[in-house]
Amino acid sequence: DLVRQIATGLRCSPEAVVLAWIMRLPQRVRPVIGSADPGRIRACAEADRALAVPTYEHWYALHNSARGRNIP
């Protein structure tokens, strides 16, 4: 799974990778964490750290994976 591979490489949670990707969308999306699970909230809190590290290659790989096709 691409998200887990990137998370492992960045040493953060998969939740943080997904949130970091969402926060880098050009539409300036601001996600809301809808969980009461303290573990999941802690995992999501790593998004700030994940935002600082991923490359554009990570972002486009996630984007292509989400779309199911490459950006032309």
Foldseek 3Di string as FASTA:
>chain_A
DLLVVVCVVLVADSLLLVQLLQCPPPVNDDDDDDDPDPVVVVRNVCNVVNNVDDDVVSSQVVVCVVVVHHDD
